[in-house]
């Protein structure tokens, strides 16, 4: 199952799952770096769905950081709320998250 763009149903399903997640990455003063994106890629490969946060001192909005990181990691932005955002990237070899609604 390949996700080109998430449907609103898929997005809603993933948002529900992510609501219980802790943030595992923070964008700080250094902004979005290549090393950080590599770490995020690795986390996405293992978990598929991760929550990140932008610190006040970063100079980035959550939307800017979400867009930059999703582009660098080839992932989807599921949600942006306040200083937090959620990214998703399906692992084609070893899917982690089950029950995602199929795209029509």
N, C-alpha and C. Protein backbone atom coordinates (compact mmCIF):
# COMPACT_ATOMS: atom_id res chain seq x y z
N UNK A 1 0.85 -1.17 0.00
CA UNK A 1 0.00 0.00 0.00
C UNK A 1 0.89 1.24 0.00
N UNK A 2 0.79 2.03 -1.04
CA UNK A 2 1.62 3.22 -1.16
C UNK A 2 0.78 4.45 -0.86
N UNK A 3 1.33 5.34 -0.02
CA UNK A 3 0.61 6.56 0.32
C UNK A 3 1.23 7.70 -0.48
N UNK A 4 0.47 8.23 -1.43
CA UNK A 4 0.97 9.40 -2.14
C UNK A 4 0.60 10.63 -1.34
N UNK A 5 -0.66 10.79 -1.12
CA UNK A 5 -1.14 11.86 -0.25
C UNK A 5 -2.12 11.21 0.70
N UNK A 6 -2.09 11.60 1.94
CA UNK A 6 -3.02 11.04 2.91
C UNK A 6 -4.42 11.59 2.68
N UNK A 7 -5.41 10.73 2.78
CA UNK A 7 -6.80 11.19 2.69
C UNK A 7 -7.18 11.76 4.06
N UNK A 8 -8.31 12.46 4.13
CA UNK A 8 -8.71 13.04 5.41
C UNK A 8 -9.02 11.94 6.43
N UNK A 9 -9.54 10.80 5.95
CA UNK A 9 -9.81 9.67 6.87
C UNK A 9 -8.52 9.11 7.44
N UNK A 10 -7.52 8.94 6.58
CA UNK A 10 -6.22 8.42 7.03
C UNK A 10 -5.58 9.39 8.01
N UNK A 11 -5.65 10.67 7.68
CA UNK A 11 -5.08 11.71 8.53
C UNK A 11 -5.75 11.69 9.91
N UNK A 12 -7.07 11.58 9.92
CA UNK A 12 -7.82 11.55 11.18
C UNK A 12 -7.44 10.33 12.01
N UNK A 13 -7.30 9.19 11.35
CA UNK A 13 -6.91 7.95 12.04
C UNK A 13 -5.52 8.10 12.67
N UNK A 14 -4.57 8.64 11.89
CA UNK A 14 -3.20 8.82 12.39
C UNK A 14 -3.15 9.86 13.50
N UNK A 15 -3.97 10.92 13.38
CA UNK A 15 -4.02 11.94 14.44
C UNK A 15 -4.46 11.31 15.76
N UNK A 16 -5.45 10.42 15.68
CA UNK A 16 -5.94 9.73 16.87
C UNK A 16 -4.85 8.93 17.54
N UNK A 17 -4.06 8.22 16.75
CA UNK A 17 -2.95 7.43 17.30
C UNK A 17 -1.89 8.36 17.90
N UNK A 18 -1.55 9.42 17.17
CA UNK A 18 -0.47 10.33 17.59
C UNK A 18 -0.83 11.10 18.85
N UNK A 19 -2.12 11.23 19.14
CA UNK A 19 -2.52 12.02 20.31
C UNK A 19 -1.95 11.44 21.61
N UNK A 20 -1.66 10.14 21.62
CA UNK A 20 -1.11 9.52 22.83
C UNK A 20 0.41 9.51 22.84
N UNK A 21 1.02 9.93 21.74
CA UNK A 21 2.48 9.89 21.62
C UNK A 21 3.15 11.05 22.34
N UNK A 22 4.36 10.80 22.81
CA UNK A 22 5.21 11.86 23.36
C UNK A 22 6.01 12.47 22.21
N UNK A 23 6.43 13.73 22.36
CA UNK A 23 7.31 14.31 21.34
C UNK A 23 8.70 13.70 21.52
N UNK A 24 9.31 13.29 20.40
CA UNK A 24 10.64 12.66 20.51
C UNK A 24 11.73 13.51 19.87
N UNK A 25 11.35 14.56 19.15
CA UNK A 25 12.36 15.47 18.58
C UNK A 25 11.94 16.90 18.84
N UNK A 26 12.93 17.77 19.01
CA UNK A 26 12.65 19.18 19.18
C UNK A 26 13.51 19.98 18.21
N UNK A 27 12.90 20.97 17.60
CA UNK A 27 13.64 21.90 16.73
C UNK A 27 14.01 23.09 17.61
N UNK A 28 15.30 23.30 17.81
CA UNK A 28 15.77 24.38 18.68
C UNK A 28 16.47 25.47 17.92
N UNK A 29 17.43 26.12 18.62
CA UNK A 29 18.17 27.26 18.03
C UNK A 29 18.84 26.89 16.71
N UNK A 30 19.32 25.66 16.61
CA UNK A 30 20.03 25.23 15.39
C UNK A 30 19.12 25.08 14.19
N UNK A 31 17.81 25.13 14.42
CA UNK A 31 16.87 24.97 13.32
C UNK A 31 16.84 23.53 12.82
N UNK A 32 16.49 23.38 11.56
CA UNK A 32 16.40 22.05 10.95
C UNK A 32 17.73 21.74 10.26
N UNK A 33 18.42 20.71 10.75
CA UNK A 33 19.72 20.36 10.19
C UNK A 33 19.65 19.02 9.46
N UNK A 34 20.68 18.78 8.65
CA UNK A 34 20.74 17.53 7.91
C UNK A 34 20.86 16.34 8.87
N UNK A 35 21.69 16.49 9.90
CA UNK A 35 21.88 15.41 10.88
C UNK A 35 20.56 15.10 11.59
N UNK A 36 19.84 16.16 11.94
CA UNK A 36 18.55 15.98 12.59
C UNK A 36 17.58 15.24 11.67
N UNK A 37 17.56 15.62 10.41
CA UNK A 37 16.67 14.98 9.43
C UNK A 37 17.03 13.50 9.25
N UNK A 38 18.32 13.18 9.32
CA UNK A 38 18.74 11.78 9.24
C UNK A 38 18.21 10.99 10.43
N UNK A 39 18.31 11.57 11.62
CA UNK A 39 17.78 10.92 12.83
C UNK A 39 16.27 10.75 12.74
N UNK A 40 15.60 11.76 12.23
CA UNK A 40 14.14 11.70 12.09
C UNK A 40 13.76 10.63 11.07
N UNK A 41 14.51 10.54 9.98
CA UNK A 41 14.26 9.50 8.97
C UNK A 41 14.34 8.11 9.60
N UNK A 42 15.36 7.92 10.42
CA UNK A 42 15.55 6.63 11.10
C UNK A 42 14.39 6.34 12.04
N UNK A 43 13.96 7.34 12.80
CA UNK A 43 12.83 7.17 13.71
C UNK A 43 11.54 6.85 12.93
N UNK A 44 11.36 7.52 11.80
CA UNK A 44 10.18 7.26 10.96
C UNK A 44 10.21 5.84 10.40
N UNK A 45 11.40 5.37 10.07
CA UNK A 45 11.52 4.01 9.54
C UNK A 45 11.08 2.99 10.59
N UNK A 46 11.46 3.24 11.84
CA UNK A 46 11.13 2.31 12.93
C UNK A 46 9.69 2.45 13.41
N UNK A 47 9.20 3.70 13.50
CA UNK A 47 7.90 3.95 14.13
C UNK A 47 6.78 4.32 13.16
N UNK A 48 7.14 4.88 12.01
CA UNK A 48 6.22 5.39 10.99
C UNK A 48 5.53 6.70 11.37
N UNK A 49 5.22 6.88 12.65
CA UNK A 49 4.49 8.07 13.08
C UNK A 49 5.23 8.67 14.26
N UNK A 50 5.63 9.95 14.15
CA UNK A 50 6.35 10.59 15.25
C UNK A 50 5.81 12.00 15.48
N UNK A 51 5.96 12.44 16.73
CA UNK A 51 5.52 13.79 17.10
C UNK A 51 6.77 14.62 17.40
N UNK A 52 6.79 15.84 16.89
CA UNK A 52 7.92 16.74 17.09
C UNK A 52 7.43 18.07 17.63
N UNK A 53 8.37 18.84 18.17
CA UNK A 53 8.02 20.13 18.75
C UNK A 53 9.03 21.18 18.32
N UNK A 54 8.55 22.40 18.14
CA UNK A 54 9.42 23.52 17.81
C UNK A 54 9.54 24.40 19.06
N UNK A 55 10.76 24.64 19.49
CA UNK A 55 10.98 25.48 20.66
C UNK A 55 10.86 26.95 20.27
N UNK A 56 10.49 27.78 21.25
CA UNK A 56 10.28 29.21 21.00
C UNK A 56 11.52 29.89 20.43
N UNK A 57 12.72 29.44 20.85
CA UNK A 57 13.95 30.11 20.44
C UNK A 57 14.47 29.67 19.07
N UNK A 58 13.71 28.82 18.37
CA UNK A 58 14.23 28.28 17.11
C UNK A 58 14.11 29.26 15.95
N UNK A 59 13.17 30.19 16.03
CA UNK A 59 12.97 31.11 14.91
C UNK A 59 12.15 30.48 13.78
N UNK A 60 11.65 29.28 14.00
CA UNK A 60 10.82 28.58 13.00
C UNK A 60 9.40 28.48 13.54
N UNK A 61 8.41 28.51 12.63
CA UNK A 61 7.06 28.16 13.05
C UNK A 61 6.95 26.64 12.93
N UNK A 62 5.97 26.07 13.60
CA UNK A 62 5.78 24.62 13.51
C UNK A 62 5.50 24.21 12.07
N UNK A 63 4.73 25.03 11.35
CA UNK A 63 4.40 24.71 9.95
C UNK A 63 5.66 24.72 9.07
N UNK A 64 6.51 25.73 9.26
CA UNK A 64 7.76 25.81 8.46
C UNK A 64 8.64 24.60 8.73
N UNK A 65 8.80 24.26 10.00
CA UNK A 65 9.64 23.12 10.37
C UNK A 65 9.04 21.82 9.84
N UNK A 66 7.73 21.67 9.98
CA UNK A 66 7.05 20.46 9.50
C UNK A 66 7.25 20.29 7.99
N UNK A 67 7.06 21.38 7.25
CA UNK A 67 7.22 21.32 5.79
C UNK A 67 8.66 21.00 5.40
N UNK A 68 9.62 21.66 6.05
CA UNK A 68 11.04 21.44 5.73
C UNK A 68 11.46 20.00 6.04
N UNK A 69 11.06 19.51 7.21
CA UNK A 69 11.46 18.16 7.62
C UNK A 69 10.74 17.11 6.79
N UNK A 70 9.46 17.33 6.49
CA UNK A 70 8.74 16.33 5.69
C UNK A 70 9.33 16.23 4.30
N UNK A 71 9.78 17.36 3.77
CA UNK A 71 10.42 17.35 2.45
C UNK A 71 11.76 16.61 2.51
N UNK A 72 12.55 16.89 3.53
CA UNK A 72 13.87 16.27 3.67
C UNK A 72 13.79 14.78 3.95
N UNK A 73 12.71 14.35 4.62
CA UNK A 73 12.60 12.93 5.01
C UNK A 73 11.60 12.18 4.13
N UNK A 74 11.01 12.87 3.15
CA UNK A 74 10.04 12.26 2.24
C UNK A 74 8.86 11.68 3.02
N UNK A 75 8.38 12.45 4.01
CA UNK A 75 7.27 12.00 4.84
C UNK A 75 6.08 12.93 4.67
N UNK A 76 4.97 12.58 5.31
CA UNK A 76 3.74 13.37 5.23
C UNK A 76 3.52 14.14 6.53
N UNK A 77 3.08 15.38 6.42
CA UNK A 77 2.68 16.12 7.62
C UNK A 77 1.24 15.70 7.91
N UNK A 78 1.02 15.11 9.08
CA UNK A 78 -0.31 14.66 9.46
C UNK A 78 -1.07 15.81 10.09
N UNK A 79 -0.36 16.57 10.94
CA UNK A 79 -1.04 17.60 11.73
C UNK A 79 -0.03 18.61 12.26
N UNK A 80 -0.47 19.86 12.36
CA UNK A 80 0.32 20.90 13.02
C UNK A 80 -0.60 21.61 14.00
N UNK A 81 -0.25 21.56 15.28
CA UNK A 81 -1.04 22.27 16.30
C UNK A 81 -0.09 23.02 17.20
N UNK A 82 -0.25 24.33 17.28
CA UNK A 82 0.62 25.14 18.13
C UNK A 82 2.07 24.92 17.77
N UNK A 83 2.89 24.48 18.75
CA UNK A 83 4.32 24.29 18.48
C UNK A 83 4.64 22.84 18.13
N UNK A 84 3.61 21.98 18.06
CA UNK A 84 3.84 20.56 17.79
C UNK A 84 3.35 20.17 16.42
N UNK A 85 3.98 19.13 15.87
CA UNK A 85 3.51 18.59 14.61
C UNK A 85 3.80 17.09 14.54
N UNK A 86 3.06 16.42 13.67
CA UNK A 86 3.13 14.97 13.55
C UNK A 86 3.50 14.62 12.11
N UNK A 87 4.47 13.72 11.96
CA UNK A 87 4.89 13.25 10.64
C UNK A 87 4.63 11.75 10.52
N UNK A 88 4.33 11.32 9.29
CA UNK A 88 4.09 9.91 9.01
C UNK A 88 4.85 9.50 7.75
N UNK A 89 5.45 8.33 7.81
CA UNK A 89 6.05 7.75 6.61
C UNK A 89 5.91 6.24 6.71
N UNK A 90 5.20 5.66 5.76
CA UNK A 90 4.96 4.22 5.75
C UNK A 90 6.27 3.48 5.50
N UNK A 91 6.50 2.43 6.29
CA UNK A 91 7.65 1.55 6.07
C UNK A 91 7.14 0.40 5.19
N UNK A 92 7.55 0.39 3.90
CA UNK A 92 6.99 -0.61 2.98
C UNK A 92 7.39 -2.05 3.33
N UNK A 93 8.57 -2.22 3.92
CA UNK A 93 9.05 -3.57 4.24
C UNK A 93 8.44 -4.11 5.52
N UNK A 94 8.38 -3.27 6.55
CA UNK A 94 7.86 -3.71 7.85
C UNK A 94 6.87 -2.68 8.40
N UNK A 95 5.63 -2.69 7.88
CA UNK A 95 4.64 -1.73 8.38
C UNK A 95 4.43 -1.89 9.89
N UNK A 96 4.33 -0.79 10.58
CA UNK A 96 4.17 -0.80 12.03
C UNK A 96 2.71 -0.55 12.42
N UNK A 97 2.11 0.45 11.79
CA UNK A 97 0.76 0.87 12.17
C UNK A 97 -0.25 0.09 11.33
N UNK A 98 -1.16 -0.59 12.01
CA UNK A 98 -2.18 -1.39 11.34
C UNK A 98 -3.50 -0.63 11.29
N UNK A 99 -4.36 -1.04 10.39
CA UNK A 99 -5.73 -0.53 10.36
C UNK A 99 -5.90 0.84 9.76
N UNK A 100 -4.90 1.32 9.01
CA UNK A 100 -5.06 2.63 8.36
C UNK A 100 -6.10 2.48 7.25
N UNK A 101 -7.11 3.35 7.22
CA UNK A 101 -8.13 3.23 6.17
C UNK A 101 -7.49 3.29 4.78
N UNK A 102 -8.01 2.50 3.87
CA UNK A 102 -7.46 2.47 2.50
C UNK A 102 -7.90 3.73 1.74
N UNK A 103 -7.01 4.20 0.87
CA UNK A 103 -7.37 5.34 0.03
C UNK A 103 -8.31 4.81 -1.07
N UNK A 104 -9.27 5.61 -1.44
CA UNK A 104 -10.23 5.17 -2.48
C UNK A 104 -9.60 5.28 -3.85
